[in-house]
Protein backbone atom coordinates (compact mmCIF):
# COMPACT_ATOMS: atom_id res chain seq x y z
CA UNK A 1 0.00 0.00 0.00
CA UNK A 2 1.22 3.48 -0.85
CA UNK A 3 2.00 5.74 2.12
CA UNK A 4 2.32 9.48 1.89
CA UNK A 5 5.50 11.16 3.05
CA UNK A 6 5.19 13.36 6.09
CA UNK A 7 4.62 17.01 5.14
CA UNK A 8 7.45 19.42 5.78
CA UNK A 9 6.12 22.30 7.84
CA UNK A 10 7.41 25.83 7.68
CA UNK A 11 9.18 27.11 10.81
CA UNK A 12 6.39 29.56 11.62
CA UNK A 13 3.81 26.79 11.86
CA UNK A 14 5.93 24.93 14.40
CA UNK A 15 6.18 27.78 16.88
CA UNK A 16 4.14 27.79 20.04
CA UNK A 17 1.27 30.21 19.52
CA UNK A 18 1.25 31.26 23.19
CA UNK A 19 4.72 32.79 23.02
CA UNK A 20 4.55 36.46 22.11
CA UNK A 21 7.18 38.52 20.31
CA UNK A 22 9.04 40.47 22.98
CA UNK A 23 11.28 42.75 20.94
CA UNK A 24 10.66 46.28 19.80
CA UNK A 25 8.85 47.50 17.77
CA UNK A 26 6.38 44.65 18.29
CA UNK A 27 6.37 44.96 22.08
CA UNK A 28 7.04 47.91 24.33
CA UNK A 29 7.94 47.94 28.01
CA UNK A 30 8.67 44.22 28.24
CA UNK A 31 8.79 43.19 31.90
CA UNK A 32 10.57 40.34 33.67
CA UNK A 33 7.12 38.74 34.04
CA UNK A 34 6.69 38.83 30.25
CA UNK A 35 10.09 37.19 29.72
CA UNK A 36 9.43 34.55 32.37
CA UNK A 37 5.98 33.76 30.92
CA UNK A 38 7.53 33.22 27.47
CA UNK A 39 10.24 31.00 28.99
CA UNK A 40 7.61 28.99 30.86
CA UNK A 41 5.56 28.48 27.68
CA UNK A 42 8.69 27.33 25.84
CA UNK A 43 9.62 24.81 28.55
CA UNK A 44 6.05 23.53 28.67
CA UNK A 45 6.02 23.06 24.90
CA UNK A 46 9.41 21.35 24.72
CA UNK A 47 8.86 19.11 27.74
CA UNK A 48 5.25 18.26 26.96
CA UNK A 49 4.27 19.01 30.57
CA UNK A 50 2.03 21.82 31.71
CA UNK A 51 3.12 21.15 35.28
CA UNK A 52 6.04 18.83 35.98
CA UNK A 53 5.88 15.91 38.39
CA UNK A 54 7.52 16.57 41.73
CA UNK A 55 10.65 14.63 40.73
CA UNK A 56 11.05 16.86 37.63
CA UNK A 57 10.14 20.18 39.25
CA UNK A 58 13.73 21.31 39.90
CA UNK A 59 14.85 20.59 36.31
CA UNK A 60 11.73 22.31 34.95
CA UNK A 61 12.26 25.40 37.11
CA UNK A 62 15.97 25.56 36.24
CA UNK A 63 15.15 25.38 32.53
CA UNK A 64 12.66 28.25 32.86
CA UNK A 65 15.28 30.34 34.70
CA UNK A 66 17.98 29.64 32.11
CA UNK A 67 15.73 30.36 29.14
CA UNK A 68 14.48 33.57 30.75
CA UNK A 69 18.10 34.68 31.28
CA UNK A 70 19.01 33.80 27.69
CA UNK A 71 15.94 35.69 26.46
CA UNK A 72 16.88 38.81 28.45
CA UNK A 73 20.43 38.62 27.06
CA UNK A 74 19.14 38.22 23.51
CA UNK A 75 16.71 41.13 23.80
CA UNK A 76 19.40 43.39 25.25
CA UNK A 77 21.75 42.62 22.34
CA UNK A 78 19.36 42.81 19.39
CA UNK A 79 19.87 45.85 17.21
CA UNK A 80 16.71 46.90 15.38
CA UNK A 81 17.60 48.84 12.26
CA UNK A 82 14.17 49.19 10.67
CA UNK A 83 11.89 52.05 11.80
CA UNK A 84 8.89 50.89 13.83
CA UNK A 85 6.41 52.09 11.21
CA UNK A 86 8.10 50.00 8.47
CA UNK A 87 8.15 46.89 10.66
CA UNK A 88 4.46 47.15 11.46
CA UNK A 89 3.58 47.66 7.80
CA UNK A 90 5.25 44.41 6.70
PDB file of N, CA and C in Angstrom:
ATOM      1  N   UNK A   1       0.834  -1.187   0.000  1.00  0.00           N
ATOM      2  CA  UNK A   1       0.000   0.000   0.000  1.00  0.00           C
ATOM      3  C   UNK A   1       0.877   1.248   0.000  1.00  0.00           C
ATOM      4  N   UNK A   2       0.485   2.234  -0.738  1.00  0.00           N
ATOM      5  CA  UNK A   2       1.222   3.485  -0.848  1.00  0.00           C
ATOM      6  C   UNK A   2       1.022   4.318   0.409  1.00  0.00           C
ATOM      7  N   UNK A   3       2.122   4.835   0.972  1.00  0.00           N
ATOM      8  CA  UNK A   3       2.001   5.738   2.124  1.00  0.00           C
ATOM      9  C   UNK A   3       2.557   7.099   1.743  1.00  0.00           C
ATOM     10  N   UNK A   4       1.899   8.109   2.189  1.00  0.00           N
ATOM     11  CA  UNK A   4       2.316   9.476   1.886  1.00  0.00           C
ATOM     12  C   UNK A   4       3.491   9.871   2.764  1.00  0.00           C
ATOM     13  N   UNK A   5       4.420  10.635   2.203  1.00  0.00           N
ATOM     14  CA  UNK A   5       5.502  11.157   3.048  1.00  0.00           C
ATOM     15  C   UNK A   5       4.944  12.207   4.004  1.00  0.00           C
ATOM     16  N   UNK A   6       5.606  12.346   5.127  1.00  0.00           N
ATOM     17  CA  UNK A   6       5.191  13.360   6.094  1.00  0.00           C
ATOM     18  C   UNK A   6       5.399  14.749   5.497  1.00  0.00           C
ATOM     19  N   UNK A   7       4.443  15.660   5.677  1.00  0.00           N
ATOM     20  CA  UNK A   7       4.619  17.011   5.137  1.00  0.00           C
ATOM     21  C   UNK A   7       5.721  17.748   5.881  1.00  0.00           C
ATOM     22  N   UNK A   8       6.433  18.577   5.166  1.00  0.00           N
ATOM     23  CA  UNK A   8       7.454  19.425   5.778  1.00  0.00           C
ATOM     24  C   UNK A   8       6.779  20.741   6.120  1.00  0.00           C
ATOM     25  N   UNK A   9       6.792  21.081   7.391  1.00  0.00           N
ATOM     26  CA  UNK A   9       6.120  22.296   7.836  1.00  0.00           C
ATOM     27  C   UNK A   9       7.096  23.455   7.896  1.00  0.00           C
ATOM     28  N   UNK A  10       6.596  24.614   7.586  1.00  0.00           N
ATOM     29  CA  UNK A  10       7.407  25.826   7.684  1.00  0.00           C
ATOM     30  C   UNK A  10       7.680  26.125   9.151  1.00  0.00           C
ATOM     31  N   UNK A  11       8.784  26.780   9.435  1.00  0.00           N
ATOM     32  CA  UNK A  11       9.178  27.107  10.809  1.00  0.00           C
ATOM     33  C   UNK A  11       8.058  27.818  11.564  1.00  0.00           C
ATOM     34  N   UNK A  12       7.423  28.782  10.948  1.00  0.00           N
ATOM     35  CA  UNK A  12       6.386  29.558  11.621  1.00  0.00           C
ATOM     36  C   UNK A  12       5.216  28.717  12.115  1.00  0.00           C
ATOM     37  N   UNK A  13       4.928  27.645  11.438  1.00  0.00           N
ATOM     38  CA  UNK A  13       3.812  26.795  11.858  1.00  0.00           C
ATOM     39  C   UNK A  13       4.194  25.898  13.013  1.00  0.00           C
ATOM     40  N   UNK A  14       5.483  25.777  13.300  1.00  0.00           N
ATOM     41  CA  UNK A  14       5.929  24.929  14.396  1.00  0.00           C
ATOM     42  C   UNK A  14       6.060  25.684  15.711  1.00  0.00           C
ATOM     43  N   UNK A  15       5.992  26.990  15.671  1.00  0.00           N
ATOM     44  CA  UNK A  15       6.178  27.777  16.881  1.00  0.00           C
ATOM     45  C   UNK A  15       4.956  27.691  17.777  1.00  0.00           C
ATOM     46  N   UNK A  16       5.213  27.777  19.059  1.00  0.00           N
ATOM     47  CA  UNK A  16       4.139  27.785  20.040  1.00  0.00           C
ATOM     48  C   UNK A  16       3.359  29.088  19.911  1.00  0.00           C
ATOM     49  N   UNK A  17       2.085  29.009  19.738  1.00  0.00           N
ATOM     50  CA  UNK A  17       1.270  30.205  19.519  1.00  0.00           C
ATOM     51  C   UNK A  17       1.129  31.071  20.759  1.00  0.00           C
ATOM     52  N   UNK A  18       1.397  30.506  21.946  1.00  0.00           N
ATOM     53  CA  UNK A  18       1.251  31.265  23.185  1.00  0.00           C
ATOM     54  C   UNK A  18       2.433  32.185  23.458  1.00  0.00           C
ATOM     55  N   UNK A  19       3.544  31.965  22.789  1.00  0.00           N
ATOM     56  CA  UNK A  19       4.720  32.791  23.023  1.00  0.00           C
ATOM     57  C   UNK A  19       4.615  34.044  22.154  1.00  0.00           C
ATOM     58  N   UNK A  20       4.685  35.180  22.798  1.00  0.00           N
ATOM     59  CA  UNK A  20       4.545  36.461  22.110  1.00  0.00           C
ATOM     60  C   UNK A  20       5.918  37.020  21.734  1.00  0.00           C
ATOM     61  N   UNK A  21       5.958  37.816  20.683  1.00  0.00           N
ATOM     62  CA  UNK A  21       7.180  38.515  20.312  1.00  0.00           C
ATOM     63  C   UNK A  21       7.472  39.559  21.378  1.00  0.00           C
ATOM     64  N   UNK A  22       8.695  39.579  21.872  1.00  0.00           N
ATOM     65  CA  UNK A  22       9.042  40.473  22.977  1.00  0.00           C
ATOM     66  C   UNK A  22       9.996  41.596  22.583  1.00  0.00           C
ATOM     67  N   UNK A  23      10.340  41.702  21.319  1.00  0.00           N
ATOM     68  CA  UNK A  23      11.281  42.752  20.937  1.00  0.00           C
ATOM     69  C   UNK A  23      10.545  43.933  20.326  1.00  0.00           C
ATOM     70  N   UNK A  24      11.200  45.088  20.454  1.00  0.00           N
ATOM     71  CA  UNK A  24      10.660  46.275  19.803  1.00  0.00           C
ATOM     72  C   UNK A  24      10.803  46.107  18.304  1.00  0.00           C
ATOM     73  N   UNK A  25       9.969  46.608  17.496  1.00  0.00           N
ATOM     74  CA  UNK A  25       8.845  47.497  17.765  1.00  0.00           C
ATOM     75  C   UNK A  25       7.537  46.757  18.041  1.00  0.00           C
ATOM     76  N   UNK A  26       7.594  45.436  18.118  1.00  0.00           N
ATOM     77  CA  UNK A  26       6.377  44.647  18.291  1.00  0.00           C
ATOM     78  C   UNK A  26       5.874  44.637  19.727  1.00  0.00           C
ATOM     79  N   UNK A  27       6.751  44.915  20.672  1.00  0.00           N
ATOM     80  CA  UNK A  27       6.369  44.962  22.080  1.00  0.00           C
ATOM     81  C   UNK A  27       7.112  46.118  22.738  1.00  0.00           C
ATOM     82  N   UNK A  28       6.428  46.814  23.594  1.00  0.00           N
ATOM     83  CA  UNK A  28       7.043  47.915  24.332  1.00  0.00           C
ATOM     84  C   UNK A  28       6.958  47.618  25.815  1.00  0.00           C
ATOM     85  N   UNK A  29       7.925  48.092  26.557  1.00  0.00           N
ATOM     86  CA  UNK A  29       7.941  47.936  28.008  1.00  0.00           C
ATOM     87  C   UNK A  29       7.821  46.475  28.430  1.00  0.00           C
ATOM     88  N   UNK A  30       8.673  45.637  27.894  1.00  0.00           N
ATOM     89  CA  UNK A  30       8.673  44.217  28.241  1.00  0.00           C
ATOM     90  C   UNK A  30       9.194  44.068  29.666  1.00  0.00           C
ATOM     91  N   UNK A  31       8.429  43.378  30.490  1.00  0.00           N
ATOM     92  CA  UNK A  31       8.787  43.192  31.898  1.00  0.00           C
ATOM     93  C   UNK A  31       9.433  41.828  32.115  1.00  0.00           C
ATOM     94  N   UNK A  32      10.023  41.642  33.300  1.00  0.00           N
ATOM     95  CA  UNK A  32      10.566  40.337  33.666  1.00  0.00           C
ATOM     96  C   UNK A  32       9.468  39.278  33.679  1.00  0.00           C
ATOM     97  N   UNK A  33       8.253  39.684  34.060  1.00  0.00           N
ATOM     98  CA  UNK A  33       7.123  38.742  34.042  1.00  0.00           C
ATOM     99  C   UNK A  33       6.821  38.284  32.620  1.00  0.00           C
ATOM    100  N   UNK A  34       6.916  39.191  31.652  1.00  0.00           N
ATOM    101  CA  UNK A  34       6.694  38.830  30.247  1.00  0.00           C
ATOM    102  C   UNK A  34       7.741  37.815  29.774  1.00  0.00           C
ATOM    103  N   UNK A  35       8.994  38.072  30.122  1.00  0.00           N
ATOM    104  CA  UNK A  35      10.089  37.188  29.720  1.00  0.00           C
ATOM    105  C   UNK A  35       9.927  35.824  30.378  1.00  0.00           C
ATOM    106  N   UNK A  36       9.598  35.811  31.648  1.00  0.00           N
ATOM    107  CA  UNK A  36       9.429  34.546  32.374  1.00  0.00           C
ATOM    108  C   UNK A  36       8.233  33.761  31.818  1.00  0.00           C
ATOM    109  N   UNK A  37       7.157  34.440  31.485  1.00  0.00           N
ATOM    110  CA  UNK A  37       5.984  33.759  30.919  1.00  0.00           C
ATOM    111  C   UNK A  37       6.332  33.109  29.581  1.00  0.00           C
ATOM    112  N   UNK A  38       7.107  33.791  28.753  1.00  0.00           N
ATOM    113  CA  UNK A  38       7.532  33.217  27.471  1.00  0.00           C
ATOM    114  C   UNK A  38       8.433  32.003  27.704  1.00  0.00           C
ATOM    115  N   UNK A  39       9.348  32.115  28.669  1.00  0.00           N
ATOM    116  CA  UNK A  39      10.244  30.996  28.988  1.00  0.00           C
ATOM    117  C   UNK A  39       9.444  29.800  29.492  1.00  0.00           C
ATOM    118  N   UNK A  40       8.462  30.061  30.331  1.00  0.00           N
ATOM    119  CA  UNK A  40       7.614  28.986  30.855  1.00  0.00           C
ATOM    120  C   UNK A  40       6.849  28.294  29.732  1.00  0.00           C
ATOM    121  N   UNK A  41       6.288  29.068  28.810  1.00  0.00           N
ATOM    122  CA  UNK A  41       5.563  28.482  27.683  1.00  0.00           C
ATOM    123  C   UNK A  41       6.490  27.623  26.820  1.00  0.00           C
ATOM    124  N   UNK A  42       7.711  28.088  26.626  1.00  0.00           N
ATOM    125  CA  UNK A  42       8.686  27.332  25.841  1.00  0.00           C
ATOM    126  C   UNK A  42       9.006  25.998  26.520  1.00  0.00           C
ATOM    127  N   UNK A  43       9.284  26.035  27.818  1.00  0.00           N
ATOM    128  CA  UNK A  43       9.619  24.808  28.548  1.00  0.00           C
ATOM    129  C   UNK A  43       8.431  23.853  28.557  1.00  0.00           C
ATOM    130  N   UNK A  44       7.243  24.381  28.719  1.00  0.00           N
ATOM    131  CA  UNK A  44       6.046  23.531  28.671  1.00  0.00           C
ATOM    132  C   UNK A  44       5.918  22.841  27.314  1.00  0.00           C
ATOM    133  N   UNK A  45       6.144  23.601  26.249  1.00  0.00           N
ATOM    134  CA  UNK A  45       6.017  23.056  24.897  1.00  0.00           C
ATOM    135  C   UNK A  45       7.070  21.978  24.648  1.00  0.00           C
ATOM    136  N   UNK A  46       8.309  22.274  24.982  1.00  0.00           N
ATOM    137  CA  UNK A  46       9.407  21.352  24.719  1.00  0.00           C
ATOM    138  C   UNK A  46       9.288  20.087  25.571  1.00  0.00           C
ATOM    139  N   UNK A  47       8.923  20.254  26.837  1.00  0.00           N
ATOM    140  CA  UNK A  47       8.856  19.105  27.740  1.00  0.00           C
ATOM    141  C   UNK A  47       7.575  18.291  27.570  1.00  0.00           C
ATOM    142  N   UNK A  48       6.531  18.944  27.075  1.00  0.00           N
ATOM    143  CA  UNK A  48       5.250  18.258  26.962  1.00  0.00           C
ATOM    144  C   UNK A  48       4.468  18.234  28.261  1.00  0.00           C
ATOM    145  N   UNK A  49       4.950  18.959  29.266  1.00  0.00           N
ATOM    146  CA  UNK A  49       4.273  19.008  30.571  1.00  0.00           C
ATOM    147  C   UNK A  49       3.788  20.415  30.857  1.00  0.00           C
ATOM    148  N   UNK A  50       2.529  20.531  31.242  1.00  0.00           N
ATOM    149  CA  UNK A  50       2.032  21.824  31.705  1.00  0.00           C
ATOM    150  C   UNK A  50       2.591  22.095  33.089  1.00  0.00           C
ATOM    151  N   UNK A  51       2.549  21.098  33.933  1.00  0.00           N
ATOM    152  CA  UNK A  51       3.118  21.152  35.278  1.00  0.00           C
ATOM    153  C   UNK A  51       3.945  19.893  35.455  1.00  0.00           C
ATOM    154  N   UNK A  52       5.204  20.020  35.851  1.00  0.00           N
ATOM    155  CA  UNK A  52       6.036  18.826  35.977  1.00  0.00           C
ATOM    156  C   UNK A  52       5.690  18.019  37.229  1.00  0.00           C
ATOM    157  N   UNK A  53       6.006  16.746  37.188  1.00  0.00           N
ATOM    158  CA  UNK A  53       5.883  15.909  38.389  1.00  0.00           C
ATOM    159  C   UNK A  53       6.891  16.412  39.418  1.00  0.00           C
ATOM    160  N   UNK A  54       6.662  16.090  40.651  1.00  0.00           N
ATOM    161  CA  UNK A  54       7.525  16.569  41.733  1.00  0.00           C
ATOM    162  C   UNK A  54       8.997  16.238  41.476  1.00  0.00           C
ATOM    163  N   UNK A  55       9.255  15.039  40.954  1.00  0.00           N
ATOM    164  CA  UNK A  55      10.648  14.632  40.731  1.00  0.00           C
ATOM    165  C   UNK A  55      11.302  15.372  39.551  1.00  0.00           C
ATOM    166  N   UNK A  56      10.515  16.066  38.742  1.00  0.00           N
ATOM    167  CA  UNK A  56      11.050  16.856  37.629  1.00  0.00           C
ATOM    168  C   UNK A  56      10.965  18.363  37.867  1.00  0.00           C
ATOM    169  N   UNK A  57      10.403  18.764  38.988  1.00  0.00           N
ATOM    170  CA  UNK A  57      10.145  20.182  39.245  1.00  0.00           C
ATOM    171  C   UNK A  57      11.412  21.028  39.239  1.00  0.00           C
ATOM    172  N   UNK A  58      12.491  20.528  39.829  1.00  0.00           N
ATOM    173  CA  UNK A  58      13.731  21.311  39.895  1.00  0.00           C
ATOM    174  C   UNK A  58      14.309  21.523  38.492  1.00  0.00           C
ATOM    175  N   UNK A  59      14.335  20.470  37.686  1.00  0.00           N
ATOM    176  CA  UNK A  59      14.855  20.593  36.310  1.00  0.00           C
ATOM    177  C   UNK A  59      13.989  21.544  35.496  1.00  0.00           C
ATOM    178  N   UNK A  60      12.676  21.455  35.662  1.00  0.00           N
ATOM    179  CA  UNK A  60      11.728  22.312  34.952  1.00  0.00           C
ATOM    180  C   UNK A  60      11.967  23.775  35.320  1.00  0.00           C
ATOM    181  N   UNK A  61      12.064  24.045  36.613  1.00  0.00           N
ATOM    182  CA  UNK A  61      12.265  25.403  37.105  1.00  0.00           C
ATOM    183  C   UNK A  61      13.622  25.959  36.651  1.00  0.00           C
ATOM    184  N   UNK A  62      14.647  25.130  36.692  1.00  0.00           N
ATOM    185  CA  UNK A  62      15.970  25.559  36.240  1.00  0.00           C
ATOM    186  C   UNK A  62      15.949  25.897  34.752  1.00  0.00           C
ATOM    187  N   UNK A  63      15.253  25.103  33.966  1.00  0.00           N
ATOM    188  CA  UNK A  63      15.151  25.375  32.529  1.00  0.00           C
ATOM    189  C   UNK A  63      14.450  26.709  32.283  1.00  0.00           C
ATOM    190  N   UNK A  64      13.377  26.974  33.010  1.00  0.00           N
ATOM    191  CA  UNK A  64      12.660  28.248  32.858  1.00  0.00           C
ATOM    192  C   UNK A  64      13.598  29.409  33.199  1.00  0.00           C
ATOM    193  N   UNK A  65      14.347  29.283  34.307  1.00  0.00           N
ATOM    194  CA  UNK A  65      15.279  30.343  34.703  1.00  0.00           C
ATOM    195  C   UNK A  65      16.342  30.586  33.638  1.00  0.00           C
ATOM    196  N   UNK A  66      16.908  29.507  33.104  1.00  0.00           N
ATOM    197  CA  UNK A  66      17.982  29.636  32.109  1.00  0.00           C
ATOM    198  C   UNK A  66      17.465  30.219  30.794  1.00  0.00           C
ATOM    199  N   UNK A  67      16.292  29.822  30.386  1.00  0.00           N
ATOM    200  CA  UNK A  67      15.726  30.357  29.140  1.00  0.00           C
ATOM    201  C   UNK A  67      15.327  31.811  29.313  1.00  0.00           C
ATOM    202  N   UNK A  68      14.807  32.163  30.482  1.00  0.00           N
ATOM    203  CA  UNK A  68      14.480  33.568  30.748  1.00  0.00           C
ATOM    204  C   UNK A  68      15.746  34.421  30.708  1.00  0.00           C
ATOM    205  N   UNK A  69      16.832  33.941  31.296  1.00  0.00           N
ATOM    206  CA  UNK A  69      18.097  34.678  31.280  1.00  0.00           C
ATOM    207  C   UNK A  69      18.625  34.817  29.850  1.00  0.00           C
ATOM    208  N   UNK A  70      18.550  33.746  29.079  1.00  0.00           N
ATOM    209  CA  UNK A  70      19.008  33.796  27.688  1.00  0.00           C
ATOM    210  C   UNK A  70      18.146  34.756  26.877  1.00  0.00           C
ATOM    211  N   UNK A  71      16.855  34.793  27.160  1.00  0.00           N
ATOM    212  CA  UNK A  71      15.940  35.694  26.459  1.00  0.00           C
ATOM    213  C   UNK A  71      16.271  37.148  26.780  1.00  0.00           C
ATOM    214  N   UNK A  72      16.505  37.439  28.069  1.00  0.00           N
ATOM    215  CA  UNK A  72      16.878  38.805  28.450  1.00  0.00           C
ATOM    216  C   UNK A  72      18.175  39.225  27.753  1.00  0.00           C
ATOM    217  N   UNK A  73      19.154  38.313  27.720  1.00  0.00           N
ATOM    218  CA  UNK A  73      20.431  38.617  27.062  1.00  0.00           C
ATOM    219  C   UNK A  73      20.213  38.880  25.578  1.00  0.00           C
ATOM    220  N   UNK A  74      19.427  38.045  24.939  1.00  0.00           N
ATOM    221  CA  UNK A  74      19.141  38.221  23.509  1.00  0.00           C
ATOM    222  C   UNK A  74      18.476  39.564  23.249  1.00  0.00           C
ATOM    223  N   UNK A  75      17.443  39.876  24.011  1.00  0.00           N
ATOM    224  CA  UNK A  75      16.710  41.128  23.798  1.00  0.00           C
ATOM    225  C   UNK A  75      17.585  42.354  24.045  1.00  0.00           C
ATOM    226  N   UNK A  76      18.533  42.241  24.968  1.00  0.00           N
ATOM    227  CA  UNK A  76      19.405  43.387  25.249  1.00  0.00           C
ATOM    228  C   UNK A  76      20.450  43.582  24.161  1.00  0.00           C
ATOM    229  N   UNK A  77      20.720  42.540  23.371  1.00  0.00           N
ATOM    230  CA  UNK A  77      21.748  42.624  22.339  1.00  0.00           C
ATOM    231  C   UNK A  77      21.210  42.849  20.932  1.00  0.00           C
ATOM    232  N   UNK A  78      19.936  42.643  20.735  1.00  0.00           N
ATOM    233  CA  UNK A  78      19.360  42.805  19.391  1.00  0.00           C
ATOM    234  C   UNK A  78      19.396  44.269  18.980  1.00  0.00           C
ATOM    235  N   UNK A  79      19.837  44.510  17.767  1.00  0.00           N
ATOM    236  CA  UNK A  79      19.872  45.852  17.209  1.00  0.00           C
ATOM    237  C   UNK A  79      18.812  45.929  16.120  1.00  0.00           C
ATOM    238  N   UNK A  80      17.794  46.736  16.351  1.00  0.00           N
ATOM    239  CA  UNK A  80      16.710  46.904  15.383  1.00  0.00           C
ATOM    240  C   UNK A  80      17.074  48.071  14.482  1.00  0.00           C
ATOM    241  N   UNK A  81      17.194  47.796  13.207  1.00  0.00           N
ATOM    242  CA  UNK A  81      17.598  48.840  12.257  1.00  0.00           C
ATOM    243  C   UNK A  81      16.445  49.426  11.474  1.00  0.00           C
ATOM    244  N   UNK A  82      15.326  48.740  11.437  1.00  0.00           N
ATOM    245  CA  UNK A  82      14.173  49.186  10.668  1.00  0.00           C
ATOM    246  C   UNK A  82      13.289  50.081  11.539  1.00  0.00           C
ATOM    247  N   UNK A  83      12.803  51.212  11.017  1.00  0.00           N
ATOM    248  CA  UNK A  83      11.894  52.047  11.802  1.00  0.00           C
ATOM    249  C   UNK A  83      10.637  51.275  12.179  1.00  0.00           C
ATOM    250  N   UNK A  84      10.073  51.591  13.323  1.00  0.00           N
ATOM    251  CA  UNK A  84       8.895  50.892  13.830  1.00  0.00           C
ATOM    252  C   UNK A  84       7.738  50.899  12.839  1.00  0.00           C
ATOM    253  N   UNK A  85       7.520  51.998  12.156  1.00  0.00           N
ATOM    254  CA  UNK A  85       6.406  52.087  11.207  1.00  0.00           C
ATOM    255  C   UNK A  85       6.600  51.126  10.043  1.00  0.00           C
ATOM    256  N   UNK A  86       7.820  50.936   9.578  1.00  0.00           N
ATOM    257  CA  UNK A  86       8.095  50.004   8.467  1.00  0.00           C
ATOM    258  C   UNK A  86       7.908  48.565   8.923  1.00  0.00           C
ATOM    259  N   UNK A  87       8.295  48.272  10.152  1.00  0.00           N
ATOM    260  CA  UNK A  87       8.146  46.893  10.660  1.00  0.00           C
ATOM    261  C   UNK A  87       6.685  46.535  10.811  1.00  0.00           C
ATOM    262  N   UNK A  88       5.877  47.437  11.285  1.00  0.00           N
ATOM    263  CA  UNK A  88       4.458  47.150  11.462  1.00  0.00           C
ATOM    264  C   UNK A  88       3.727  47.010  10.130  1.00  0.00           C
ATOM    265  N   UNK A  89       4.209  47.694   9.113  1.00  0.00           N
ATOM    266  CA  UNK A  89       3.578  47.659   7.795  1.00  0.00           C
ATOM    267  C   UNK A  89       3.825  46.333   7.081  1.00  0.00           C
ATOM    268  N   UNK A  90       4.932  45.648   7.403  1.00  0.00           N
ATOM    269  CA  UNK A  90       5.254  44.410   6.695  1.00  0.00           C
ATOM    270  C   UNK A  90       4.596  43.202   7.288  1.00  0.00           C
TER     271      UNK A  90
END
